[in-house]
PDB file of all heavy atoms in Angstrom:
ATOM      1  N   LEU A   1      -6.421  -5.851   0.683  1.00  0.00           N
ATOM      2  CA  LEU A   1      -4.968  -5.571   0.790  1.00  0.00           C
ATOM      3  C   LEU A   1      -4.171  -6.359  -0.217  1.00  0.00           C
ATOM      4  O   LEU A   1      -3.200  -5.880  -0.792  1.00  0.00           O
ATOM      5  CB  LEU A   1      -4.491  -5.848   2.191  1.00  0.00           C
ATOM      6  CG  LEU A   1      -4.825  -4.746   3.240  1.00  0.00           C
ATOM      7  CD1 LEU A   1      -4.625  -5.284   4.637  1.00  0.00           C
ATOM      8  CD2 LEU A   1      -3.945  -3.544   3.001  1.00  0.00           C
ATOM      9  N   LYS A   2      -4.545  -7.632  -0.424  1.00  0.00           N
ATOM     10  CA  LYS A   2      -3.875  -8.450  -1.405  1.00  0.00           C
ATOM     11  C   LYS A   2      -3.993  -7.806  -2.807  1.00  0.00           C
ATOM     12  O   LYS A   2      -2.998  -7.737  -3.603  1.00  0.00           O
ATOM     13  CB  LYS A   2      -4.457  -9.857  -1.455  1.00  0.00           C
ATOM     14  CG  LYS A   2      -4.103 -10.721  -0.276  1.00  0.00           C
ATOM     15  CD  LYS A   2      -4.752 -12.112  -0.384  1.00  0.00           C
ATOM     16  CE  LYS A   2      -4.366 -13.025   0.766  1.00  0.00           C
ATOM     17  NZ  LYS A   2      -5.004 -14.338   0.644  1.00  0.00           N
ATOM     18  N   LEU A   3      -5.191  -7.338  -3.138  1.00  0.00           N
ATOM     19  CA  LEU A   3      -5.381  -6.665  -4.431  1.00  0.00           C
ATOM     20  C   LEU A   3      -4.528  -5.377  -4.479  1.00  0.00           C
ATOM     21  O   LEU A   3      -4.014  -5.029  -5.529  1.00  0.00           O
ATOM     22  CB  LEU A   3      -6.854  -6.340  -4.629  1.00  0.00           C
ATOM     23  CG  LEU A   3      -7.783  -7.538  -4.909  1.00  0.00           C
ATOM     24  CD1 LEU A   3      -9.233  -7.097  -4.893  1.00  0.00           C
ATOM     25  CD2 LEU A   3      -7.441  -8.191  -6.253  1.00  0.00           C
ATOM     26  N   ALA A   4      -4.504  -4.648  -3.400  1.00  0.00           N
ATOM     27  CA  ALA A   4      -3.773  -3.397  -3.374  1.00  0.00           C
ATOM     28  C   ALA A   4      -2.275  -3.628  -3.631  1.00  0.00           C
ATOM     29  O   ALA A   4      -1.648  -2.840  -4.334  1.00  0.00           O
ATOM     30  CB  ALA A   4      -3.976  -2.702  -2.009  1.00  0.00           C
ATOM     31  N   PHE A   5      -1.732  -4.657  -3.058  1.00  0.00           N
ATOM     32  CA  PHE A   5      -0.311  -4.946  -3.246  1.00  0.00           C
ATOM     33  C   PHE A   5      -0.025  -5.545  -4.613  1.00  0.00           C
ATOM     34  O   PHE A   5       1.118  -5.325  -5.139  1.00  0.00           O
ATOM     35  CB  PHE A   5       0.185  -5.901  -2.142  1.00  0.00           C
ATOM     36  CG  PHE A   5       0.577  -5.253  -0.859  1.00  0.00           C
ATOM     37  CD1 PHE A   5      -0.219  -5.344   0.253  1.00  0.00           C
ATOM     38  CD2 PHE A   5       1.795  -4.566  -0.790  1.00  0.00           C
ATOM     39  CE1 PHE A   5       0.138  -4.726   1.433  1.00  0.00           C
ATOM     40  CE2 PHE A   5       2.182  -3.975   0.415  1.00  0.00           C
ATOM     41  CZ  PHE A   5       1.358  -4.033   1.526  1.00  0.00           C
ATOM     42  N   GLU A   6      -0.969  -6.247  -5.209  1.00  0.00           N
ATOM     43  CA  GLU A   6      -0.648  -7.048  -6.369  1.00  0.00           C
ATOM     44  C   GLU A   6      -1.260  -6.557  -7.686  1.00  0.00           C
ATOM     45  O   GLU A   6      -1.090  -7.155  -8.744  1.00  0.00           O
ATOM     46  CB  GLU A   6      -1.009  -8.511  -6.087  1.00  0.00           C
ATOM     47  CG  GLU A   6      -0.221  -9.086  -4.923  1.00  0.00           C
ATOM     48  CD  GLU A   6      -0.498 -10.518  -4.655  1.00  0.00           C
ATOM     49  OE1 GLU A   6      -1.567 -11.042  -5.131  1.00  0.00           O
ATOM     50  OE2 GLU A   6       0.284 -11.166  -3.984  1.00  0.00           O
ATOM     51  N   THR A   7      -2.051  -5.489  -7.629  1.00  0.00           N
ATOM     52  CA  THR A   7      -2.636  -4.929  -8.820  1.00  0.00           C
ATOM     53  C   THR A   7      -2.392  -3.424  -8.893  1.00  0.00           C
ATOM     54  O   THR A   7      -2.103  -2.798  -7.864  1.00  0.00           O
ATOM     55  CB  THR A   7      -4.167  -5.198  -8.913  1.00  0.00           C
ATOM     56  OG1 THR A   7      -4.831  -4.475  -7.843  1.00  0.00           O
ATOM     57  CG2 THR A   7      -4.476  -6.647  -8.804  1.00  0.00           C
ATOM     58  N   LYS A   8      -2.570  -2.836 -10.082  1.00  0.00           N
ATOM     59  CA  LYS A   8      -2.355  -1.413 -10.240  1.00  0.00           C
ATOM     60  C   LYS A   8      -3.697  -0.654 -10.076  1.00  0.00           C
ATOM     61  O   LYS A   8      -4.761  -1.172 -10.368  1.00  0.00           O
ATOM     62  CB  LYS A   8      -1.755  -1.117 -11.615  1.00  0.00           C
ATOM     63  CG  LYS A   8      -0.344  -1.634 -11.767  1.00  0.00           C
ATOM     64  CD  LYS A   8       0.232  -1.221 -13.131  1.00  0.00           C
ATOM     65  CE  LYS A   8       1.668  -1.731 -13.293  1.00  0.00           C
ATOM     66  NZ  LYS A   8       2.246  -1.321 -14.606  1.00  0.00           N
ATOM     67  N   TYR A   9      -3.567   0.565  -9.634  1.00  0.00           N
ATOM     68  CA  TYR A   9      -4.762   1.439  -9.452  1.00  0.00           C
ATOM     69  C   TYR A   9      -5.438   1.702 -10.751  1.00  0.00           C
ATOM     70  O   TYR A   9      -4.805   1.927 -11.774  1.00  0.00           O
ATOM     71  CB  TYR A   9      -4.324   2.722  -8.787  1.00  0.00           C
ATOM     72  CG  TYR A   9      -5.360   3.810  -8.786  1.00  0.00           C
ATOM     73  CD1 TYR A   9      -6.441   3.785  -7.894  1.00  0.00           C
ATOM     74  CD2 TYR A   9      -5.316   4.833  -9.728  1.00  0.00           C
ATOM     75  CE1 TYR A   9      -7.405   4.778  -7.909  1.00  0.00           C
ATOM     76  CE2 TYR A   9      -6.314   5.823  -9.760  1.00  0.00           C
ATOM     77  CZ  TYR A   9      -7.349   5.795  -8.847  1.00  0.00           C
ATOM     78  OH  TYR A   9      -8.349   6.762  -8.848  1.00  0.00           O
ATOM     79  N   THR A  10      -6.771   1.715 -10.715  1.00  0.00           N
ATOM     80  CA  THR A  10      -7.565   2.143 -11.841  1.00  0.00           C
ATOM     81  C   THR A  10      -8.661   3.073 -11.330  1.00  0.00           C
ATOM     82  O   THR A  10      -8.974   3.071 -10.125  1.00  0.00           O
ATOM     83  CB  THR A  10      -8.253   1.001 -12.606  1.00  0.00           C
ATOM     84  OG1 THR A  10      -9.342   0.502 -11.835  1.00  0.00           O
ATOM     85  CG2 THR A  10      -7.276  -0.163 -12.835  1.00  0.00           C
ATOM     86  N   THR A  11      -9.230   3.879 -12.183  1.00  0.00           N
ATOM     87  CA  THR A  11     -10.295   4.780 -11.793  1.00  0.00           C
ATOM     88  C   THR A  11     -11.585   4.057 -11.450  1.00  0.00           C
ATOM     89  O   THR A  11     -12.531   4.667 -10.949  1.00  0.00           O
ATOM     90  CB  THR A  11     -10.585   5.838 -12.904  1.00  0.00           C
ATOM     91  OG1 THR A  11     -10.871   5.123 -14.117  1.00  0.00           O
ATOM     92  CG2 THR A  11      -9.355   6.694 -13.144  1.00  0.00           C
ATOM     93  N   TYR A  12     -11.587   2.767 -11.707  1.00  0.00           N
ATOM     94  CA  TYR A  12     -12.790   1.952 -11.460  1.00  0.00           C
ATOM     95  C   TYR A  12     -12.669   1.240 -10.077  1.00  0.00           C
ATOM     96  O   TYR A  12     -13.599   0.465  -9.704  1.00  0.00           O
ATOM     97  CB  TYR A  12     -13.043   0.942 -12.549  1.00  0.00           C
ATOM     98  CG  TYR A  12     -13.226   1.575 -13.907  1.00  0.00           C
ATOM     99  CD1 TYR A  12     -12.172   1.527 -14.844  1.00  0.00           C
ATOM    100  CD2 TYR A  12     -14.382   2.228 -14.233  1.00  0.00           C
ATOM    101  CE1 TYR A  12     -12.315   2.114 -16.091  1.00  0.00           C
ATOM    102  CE2 TYR A  12     -14.533   2.799 -15.499  1.00  0.00           C
ATOM    103  CZ  TYR A  12     -13.485   2.757 -16.416  1.00  0.00           C
ATOM    104  OH  TYR A  12     -13.633   3.360 -17.622  1.00  0.00           O
ATOM    105  N   ASP A  13     -11.614   1.456  -9.358  1.00  0.00           N
ATOM    106  CA  ASP A  13     -11.479   0.766  -8.061  1.00  0.00           C
ATOM    107  C   ASP A  13     -12.633   1.149  -7.130  1.00  0.00           C
ATOM    108  O   ASP A  13     -12.934   2.348  -6.960  1.00  0.00           O
ATOM    109  CB  ASP A  13     -10.166   1.210  -7.404  1.00  0.00           C
ATOM    110  CG  ASP A  13      -8.927   0.575  -8.041  1.00  0.00           C
ATOM    111  OD1 ASP A  13      -9.143  -0.346  -8.868  1.00  0.00           O
ATOM    112  OD2 ASP A  13      -7.826   0.949  -7.683  1.00  0.00           O
ATOM    113  N   PRO A  14     -13.247   0.170  -6.477  1.00  0.00           N
ATOM    114  CA  PRO A  14     -14.284   0.460  -5.475  1.00  0.00           C
ATOM    115  C   PRO A  14     -13.628   1.100  -4.237  1.00  0.00           C
ATOM    116  O   PRO A  14     -12.392   0.985  -4.004  1.00  0.00           O
ATOM    117  CB  PRO A  14     -14.856  -0.919  -5.141  1.00  0.00           C
ATOM    118  CG  PRO A  14     -13.767  -1.868  -5.476  1.00  0.00           C
ATOM    119  CD  PRO A  14     -13.042  -1.284  -6.651  1.00  0.00           C
ATOM    120  N   GLU A  15     -14.425   1.766  -3.439  1.00  0.00           N
ATOM    121  CA  GLU A  15     -13.906   2.487  -2.288  1.00  0.00           C
ATOM    122  C   GLU A  15     -13.075   1.663  -1.320  1.00  0.00           C
ATOM    123  O   GLU A  15     -12.023   2.083  -0.873  1.00  0.00           O
ATOM    124  CB  GLU A  15     -15.055   3.177  -1.549  1.00  0.00           C
ATOM    125  CG  GLU A  15     -14.604   4.150  -0.481  1.00  0.00           C
ATOM    126  CD  GLU A  15     -13.776   5.283  -1.024  1.00  0.00           C
ATOM    127  OE1 GLU A  15     -14.087   5.789  -2.140  1.00  0.00           O
ATOM    128  OE2 GLU A  15     -12.833   5.689  -0.364  1.00  0.00           O
ATOM    129  N   PRO A  16     -13.520   0.421  -0.974  1.00  0.00           N
ATOM    130  CA  PRO A  16     -12.665  -0.392  -0.059  1.00  0.00           C
ATOM    131  C   PRO A  16     -11.252  -0.660  -0.620  1.00  0.00           C
ATOM    132  O   PRO A  16     -10.315  -0.706   0.143  1.00  0.00           O
ATOM    133  CB  PRO A  16     -13.469  -1.693   0.096  1.00  0.00           C
ATOM    134  CG  PRO A  16     -14.881  -1.289  -0.173  1.00  0.00           C
ATOM    135  CD  PRO A  16     -14.803  -0.252  -1.292  1.00  0.00           C
ATOM    136  N   LEU A  17     -11.158  -0.846  -1.926  1.00  0.00           N
ATOM    137  CA  LEU A  17      -9.876  -1.061  -2.544  1.00  0.00           C
ATOM    138  C   LEU A  17      -9.050   0.203  -2.539  1.00  0.00           C
ATOM    139  O   LEU A  17      -7.821   0.153  -2.341  1.00  0.00           O
ATOM    140  CB  LEU A  17     -10.029  -1.610  -3.988  1.00  0.00           C
ATOM    141  CG  LEU A  17      -8.710  -1.882  -4.717  1.00  0.00           C
ATOM    142  CD1 LEU A  17      -7.787  -2.797  -3.897  1.00  0.00           C
ATOM    143  CD2 LEU A  17      -9.002  -2.497  -6.092  1.00  0.00           C
ATOM    144  N   VAL A  18      -9.677   1.331  -2.776  1.00  0.00           N
ATOM    145  CA  VAL A  18      -8.962   2.637  -2.720  1.00  0.00           C
ATOM    146  C   VAL A  18      -8.338   2.808  -1.285  1.00  0.00           C
ATOM    147  O   VAL A  18      -7.201   3.194  -1.157  1.00  0.00           O
ATOM    148  CB  VAL A  18      -9.884   3.805  -3.052  1.00  0.00           C
ATOM    149  CG1 VAL A  18      -9.219   5.132  -2.773  1.00  0.00           C
ATOM    150  CG2 VAL A  18     -10.302   3.726  -4.541  1.00  0.00           C
ATOM    151  N   GLN A  19      -9.119   2.521  -0.282  1.00  0.00           N
ATOM    152  CA  GLN A  19      -8.623   2.640   1.076  1.00  0.00           C
ATOM    153  C   GLN A  19      -7.507   1.666   1.343  1.00  0.00           C
ATOM    154  O   GLN A  19      -6.548   1.949   2.059  1.00  0.00           O
ATOM    155  CB  GLN A  19      -9.770   2.461   2.072  1.00  0.00           C
ATOM    156  CG  GLN A  19     -10.784   3.612   1.990  1.00  0.00           C
ATOM    157  CD  GLN A  19     -11.874   3.453   3.053  1.00  0.00           C
ATOM    158  OE1 GLN A  19     -11.768   2.700   3.999  1.00  0.00           O
ATOM    159  NE2 GLN A  19     -12.977   4.186   2.869  1.00  0.00           N
ATOM    160  N   ALA A  20      -7.634   0.442   0.776  1.00  0.00           N
ATOM    161  CA  ALA A  20      -6.607  -0.542   0.960  1.00  0.00           C
ATOM    162  C   ALA A  20      -5.292  -0.136   0.305  1.00  0.00           C
ATOM    163  O   ALA A  20      -4.210  -0.382   0.824  1.00  0.00           O
ATOM    164  CB  ALA A  20      -7.070  -1.911   0.399  1.00  0.00           C
ATOM    165  N   ARG A  21      -5.384   0.517  -0.859  1.00  0.00           N
ATOM    166  CA  ARG A  21      -4.169   0.995  -1.520  1.00  0.00           C
ATOM    167  C   ARG A  21      -3.470   2.037  -0.677  1.00  0.00           C
ATOM    168  O   ARG A  21      -2.230   2.084  -0.578  1.00  0.00           O
ATOM    169  CB  ARG A  21      -4.560   1.565  -2.934  1.00  0.00           C
ATOM    170  CG  ARG A  21      -5.017   0.527  -3.905  1.00  0.00           C
ATOM    171  CD  ARG A  21      -5.052   1.087  -5.323  1.00  0.00           C
ATOM    172  NE  ARG A  21      -5.668   0.158  -6.213  1.00  0.00           N
ATOM    173  CZ  ARG A  21      -5.153  -0.925  -6.777  1.00  0.00           C
ATOM    174  NH1 ARG A  21      -3.912  -1.268  -6.454  1.00  0.00           N
ATOM    175  NH2 ARG A  21      -5.807  -1.673  -7.616  1.00  0.00           N
ATOM    176  N   PHE A  22      -4.268   2.930  -0.073  1.00  0.00           N
ATOM    177  CA  PHE A  22      -3.706   3.962   0.822  1.00  0.00           C
ATOM    178  C   PHE A  22      -2.980   3.251   2.009  1.00  0.00           C
ATOM    179  O   PHE A  22      -1.859   3.613   2.336  1.00  0.00           O
ATOM    180  CB  PHE A  22      -4.855   4.822   1.356  1.00  0.00           C
ATOM    181  CG  PHE A  22      -4.424   5.839   2.375  1.00  0.00           C
ATOM    182  CD1 PHE A  22      -4.056   7.115   2.017  1.00  0.00           C
ATOM    183  CD2 PHE A  22      -4.380   5.493   3.753  1.00  0.00           C
ATOM    184  CE1 PHE A  22      -3.675   8.048   2.973  1.00  0.00           C
ATOM    185  CE2 PHE A  22      -3.994   6.435   4.701  1.00  0.00           C
ATOM    186  CZ  PHE A  22      -3.627   7.711   4.293  1.00  0.00           C
ATOM    187  N   THR A  23      -3.642   2.263   2.594  1.00  0.00           N
ATOM    188  CA  THR A  23      -3.088   1.541   3.753  1.00  0.00           C
ATOM    189  C   THR A  23      -1.774   0.825   3.306  1.00  0.00           C
ATOM    190  O   THR A  23      -0.816   0.835   4.040  1.00  0.00           O
ATOM    191  CB  THR A  23      -4.064   0.549   4.302  1.00  0.00           C
ATOM    192  OG1 THR A  23      -5.250   1.265   4.750  1.00  0.00           O
ATOM    193  CG2 THR A  23      -3.483  -0.210   5.473  1.00  0.00           C
ATOM    194  N   ALA A  24      -1.802   0.195   2.160  1.00  0.00           N
ATOM    195  CA  ALA A  24      -0.627  -0.530   1.689  1.00  0.00           C
ATOM    196  C   ALA A  24       0.557   0.427   1.516  1.00  0.00           C
ATOM    197  O   ALA A  24       1.696   0.113   1.899  1.00  0.00           O
ATOM    198  CB  ALA A  24      -0.960  -1.244   0.366  1.00  0.00           C
ATOM    199  N   LYS A  25       0.278   1.603   0.938  1.00  0.00           N
ATOM    200  CA  LYS A  25       1.381   2.552   0.780  1.00  0.00           C
ATOM    201  C   LYS A  25       1.907   3.040   2.110  1.00  0.00           C
ATOM    202  O   LYS A  25       3.132   3.229   2.291  1.00  0.00           O
ATOM    203  CB  LYS A  25       0.906   3.759  -0.038  1.00  0.00           C
ATOM    204  CG  LYS A  25       2.039   4.732  -0.390  1.00  0.00           C
ATOM    205  CD  LYS A  25       1.625   5.784  -1.404  1.00  0.00           C
ATOM    206  CE  LYS A  25       2.785   6.676  -1.784  1.00  0.00           C
ATOM    207  NZ  LYS A  25       2.412   7.707  -2.769  1.00  0.00           N
ATOM    208  N   LYS A  26       1.010   3.224   3.074  1.00  0.00           N
ATOM    209  CA  LYS A  26       1.455   3.617   4.431  1.00  0.00           C
ATOM    210  C   LYS A  26       2.331   2.521   5.046  1.00  0.00           C
ATOM    211  O   LYS A  26       3.390   2.812   5.634  1.00  0.00           O
ATOM    212  CB  LYS A  26       0.230   3.825   5.311  1.00  0.00           C
ATOM    213  CG  LYS A  26       0.561   4.187   6.744  1.00  0.00           C
ATOM    214  CD  LYS A  26      -0.702   4.439   7.555  1.00  0.00           C
ATOM    215  CE  LYS A  26      -0.335   4.785   8.979  1.00  0.00           C
ATOM    216  NZ  LYS A  26      -1.545   5.124   9.777  1.00  0.00           N
ATOM    217  N   TYR A  27       1.940   1.266   4.889  1.00  0.00           N
ATOM    218  CA  TYR A  27       2.735   0.184   5.442  1.00  0.00           C
ATOM    219  C   TYR A  27       4.108   0.073   4.786  1.00  0.00           C
ATOM    220  O   TYR A  27       5.107  -0.146   5.483  1.00  0.00           O
ATOM    221  CB  TYR A  27       1.969  -1.140   5.227  1.00  0.00           C
ATOM    222  CG  TYR A  27       0.758  -1.341   6.094  1.00  0.00           C
ATOM    223  CD1 TYR A  27      -0.168  -2.378   5.799  1.00  0.00           C
ATOM    224  CD2 TYR A  27       0.492  -0.539   7.174  1.00  0.00           C
ATOM    225  CE1 TYR A  27      -1.288  -2.562   6.582  1.00  0.00           C
ATOM    226  CE2 TYR A  27      -0.648  -0.719   7.945  1.00  0.00           C
ATOM    227  CZ  TYR A  27      -1.498  -1.706   7.635  1.00  0.00           C
ATOM    228  OH  TYR A  27      -2.629  -1.936   8.427  1.00  0.00           O
ATOM    229  N   VAL A  28       4.178   0.274   3.494  1.00  0.00           N
ATOM    230  CA  VAL A  28       5.455   0.199   2.799  1.00  0.00           C
ATOM    231  C   VAL A  28       6.399   1.299   3.275  1.00  0.00           C
ATOM    232  O   VAL A  28       7.562   1.063   3.574  1.00  0.00           O
ATOM    233  CB  VAL A  28       5.277   0.261   1.255  1.00  0.00           C
ATOM    234  CG1 VAL A  28       6.638   0.413   0.568  1.00  0.00           C
ATOM    235  CG2 VAL A  28       4.540  -0.965   0.763  1.00  0.00           C
ATOM    236  N   GLY A  29       5.855   2.533   3.403  1.00  0.00           N
ATOM    237  CA  GLY A  29       6.681   3.610   3.884  1.00  0.00           C
ATOM    238  C   GLY A  29       7.195   3.356   5.286  1.00  0.00           C
ATOM    239  O   GLY A  29       8.371   3.630   5.622  1.00  0.00           O
ATOM    240  N   GLN A  30       6.349   2.793   6.138  1.00  0.00           N
ATOM    241  CA  GLN A  30       6.747   2.432   7.506  1.00  0.00           C
ATOM    242  C   GLN A  30       7.873   1.396   7.513  1.00  0.00           C
ATOM    243  O   GLN A  30       8.937   1.585   8.178  1.00  0.00           O
ATOM    244  CB  GLN A  30       5.545   1.862   8.256  1.00  0.00           C
ATOM    245  CG  GLN A  30       5.854   1.401   9.663  1.00  0.00           C
ATOM    246  CD  GLN A  30       4.651   0.748  10.355  1.00  0.00           C
ATOM    247  OE1 GLN A  30       3.618   0.544   9.714  1.00  0.00           O
ATOM    248  NE2 GLN A  30       4.780   0.423  11.621  1.00  0.00           N
ATOM    249  N   ALA A  31       7.675   0.322   6.773  1.00  0.00           N
ATOM    250  CA  ALA A  31       8.645  -0.768   6.789  1.00  0.00           C
ATOM    251  C   ALA A  31      10.007  -0.328   6.119  1.00  0.00           C
ATOM    252  O   ALA A  31      11.047  -0.757   6.578  1.00  0.00           O
ATOM    253  CB  ALA A  31       8.112  -1.986   6.073  1.00  0.00           C
ATOM    254  N   MET A  32       9.938   0.444   5.092  1.00  0.00           N
ATOM    255  CA  MET A  32      11.181   0.939   4.439  1.00  0.00           C
ATOM    256  C   MET A  32      11.995   1.806   5.454  1.00  0.00           C
ATOM    257  O   MET A  32      13.233   1.687   5.486  1.00  0.00           O
ATOM    258  CB  MET A  32      10.842   1.734   3.195  1.00  0.00           C
ATOM    259  CG  MET A  32      10.309   0.935   2.065  1.00  0.00           C
ATOM    260  SD  MET A  32      11.469  -0.284   1.430  1.00  0.00           S
ATOM    261  CE  MET A  32      10.505  -0.977   0.085  1.00  0.00           C
ATOM    262  N   THR A  33      11.320   2.562   6.263  1.00  0.00           N
ATOM    263  CA  THR A  33      12.077   3.407   7.239  1.00  0.00           C
ATOM    264  C   THR A  33      12.672   2.529   8.351  1.00  0.00           C
ATOM    265  O   THR A  33      13.743   2.817   8.869  1.00  0.00           O
ATOM    266  CB  THR A  33      11.193   4.502   7.861  1.00  0.00           C
ATOM    267  OG1 THR A  33      10.016   3.960   8.409  1.00  0.00           O
ATOM    268  CG2 THR A  33      10.845   5.529   6.806  1.00  0.00           C
ATOM    269  N   TYR A  34      11.932   1.475   8.745  1.00  0.00           N
ATOM    270  CA  TYR A  34      12.526   0.485   9.661  1.00  0.00           C
ATOM    271  C   TYR A  34      13.808  -0.109   9.039  1.00  0.00           C
ATOM    272  O   TYR A  34      14.850  -0.151   9.744  1.00  0.00           O
ATOM    273  CB  TYR A  34      11.570  -0.659   9.902  1.00  0.00           C
ATOM    274  CG  TYR A  34      10.489  -0.414  10.888  1.00  0.00           C
ATOM    275  CD1 TYR A  34       9.179  -0.842  10.683  1.00  0.00           C
ATOM    276  CD2 TYR A  34      10.708   0.244  12.096  1.00  0.00           C
ATOM    277  CE1 TYR A  34       8.144  -0.620  11.573  1.00  0.00           C
ATOM    278  CE2 TYR A  34       9.710   0.480  13.031  1.00  0.00           C
ATOM    279  CZ  TYR A  34       8.418   0.069  12.735  1.00  0.00           C
ATOM    280  OH  TYR A  34       7.410   0.276  13.643  1.00  0.00           O
ATOM    281  N   GLY A  35      13.734  -0.477   7.779  1.00  0.00           N
ATOM    282  CA  GLY A  35      14.909  -1.010   7.140  1.00  0.00           C
ATOM    283  C   GLY A  35      16.081  -0.020   7.076  1.00  0.00           C
ATOM    284  O   GLY A  35      17.234  -0.386   7.337  1.00  0.00           O
ATOM    285  N   TRP A  36      15.745   1.226   6.862  1.00  0.00           N
ATOM    286  CA  TRP A  36      16.753   2.295   6.861  1.00  0.00           C
ATOM    287  C   TRP A  36      17.394   2.446   8.221  1.00  0.00           C
ATOM    288  O   TRP A  36      18.594   2.673   8.328  1.00  0.00           O
ATOM    289  CB  TRP A  36      16.077   3.593   6.410  1.00  0.00           C
ATOM    290  CG  TRP A  36      17.036   4.700   5.989  1.00  0.00           C
ATOM    291  CD1 TRP A  36      18.204   4.534   5.284  1.00  0.00           C
ATOM    292  CD2 TRP A  36      16.899   6.076   6.268  1.00  0.00           C
ATOM    293  NE1 TRP A  36      18.776   5.774   5.088  1.00  0.00           N
ATOM    294  CE2 TRP A  36      17.961   6.744   5.682  1.00  0.00           C
ATOM    295  CE3 TRP A  36      15.908   6.843   6.884  1.00  0.00           C
ATOM    296  CZ2 TRP A  36      18.155   8.127   5.764  1.00  0.00           C
ATOM    297  CZ3 TRP A  36      16.075   8.207   6.976  1.00  0.00           C
ATOM    298  CH2 TRP A  36      17.143   8.844   6.405  1.00  0.00           C
ATOM    299  N   GLY A  37      16.595   2.318   9.246  1.00  0.00           N
ATOM    300  CA  GLY A  37      17.125   2.389  10.628  1.00  0.00           C
ATOM    301  C   GLY A  37      18.117   1.258  10.906  1.00  0.00           C
ATOM    302  O   GLY A  37      19.168   1.479  11.447  1.00  0.00           O
ATOM    303  N   TRP A  38      17.801   0.023  10.467  1.00  0.00           N
ATOM    304  CA  TRP A  38      18.720  -1.091  10.645  1.00  0.00           C
ATOM    305  C   TRP A  38      19.974  -0.841   9.826  1.00  0.00           C
ATOM    306  O   TRP A  38      21.095  -1.150  10.291  1.00  0.00           O
ATOM    307  CB  TRP A  38      18.023  -2.362  10.223  1.00  0.00           C
ATOM    308  CG  TRP A  38      17.120  -2.946  11.256  1.00  0.00           C
ATOM    309  CD1 TRP A  38      15.759  -2.870  11.279  1.00  0.00           C
ATOM    310  CD2 TRP A  38      17.472  -3.689  12.388  1.00  0.00           C
ATOM    311  NE1 TRP A  38      15.237  -3.513  12.364  1.00  0.00           N
ATOM    312  CE2 TRP A  38      16.296  -4.013  13.105  1.00  0.00           C
ATOM    313  CE3 TRP A  38      18.712  -4.112  12.949  1.00  0.00           C
ATOM    314  CZ2 TRP A  38      16.332  -4.736  14.273  1.00  0.00           C
ATOM    315  CZ3 TRP A  38      18.707  -4.822  14.128  1.00  0.00           C
ATOM    316  CH2 TRP A  38      17.519  -5.174  14.790  1.00  0.00           C
ATOM    317  N   GLU A  39      19.824  -0.347   8.626  1.00  0.00           N
ATOM    318  CA  GLU A  39      20.960  -0.098   7.765  1.00  0.00           C
ATOM    319  C   GLU A  39      21.893   0.918   8.359  1.00  0.00           C
ATOM    320  O   GLU A  39      23.116   0.783   8.378  1.00  0.00           O
ATOM    321  CB  GLU A  39      20.499   0.333   6.382  1.00  0.00           C
ATOM    322  CG  GLU A  39      21.625   0.398   5.347  1.00  0.00           C
ATOM    323  CD  GLU A  39      21.093   0.761   3.946  1.00  0.00           C
ATOM    324  OE1 GLU A  39      20.272   1.698   3.856  1.00  0.00           O
ATOM    325  OE2 GLU A  39      21.495   0.133   2.987  1.00  0.00           O
TER     326      GLU A  39
END
């Protein structure tokens, strides 16, 4: 997850990192909508 948040995607990413990038994007979308709700 640290790599997913702090590095860019490449075609050489191993499968666990690909899944972590997916999860990181899901988390960001979730938290941004929370912020929108507060706003």
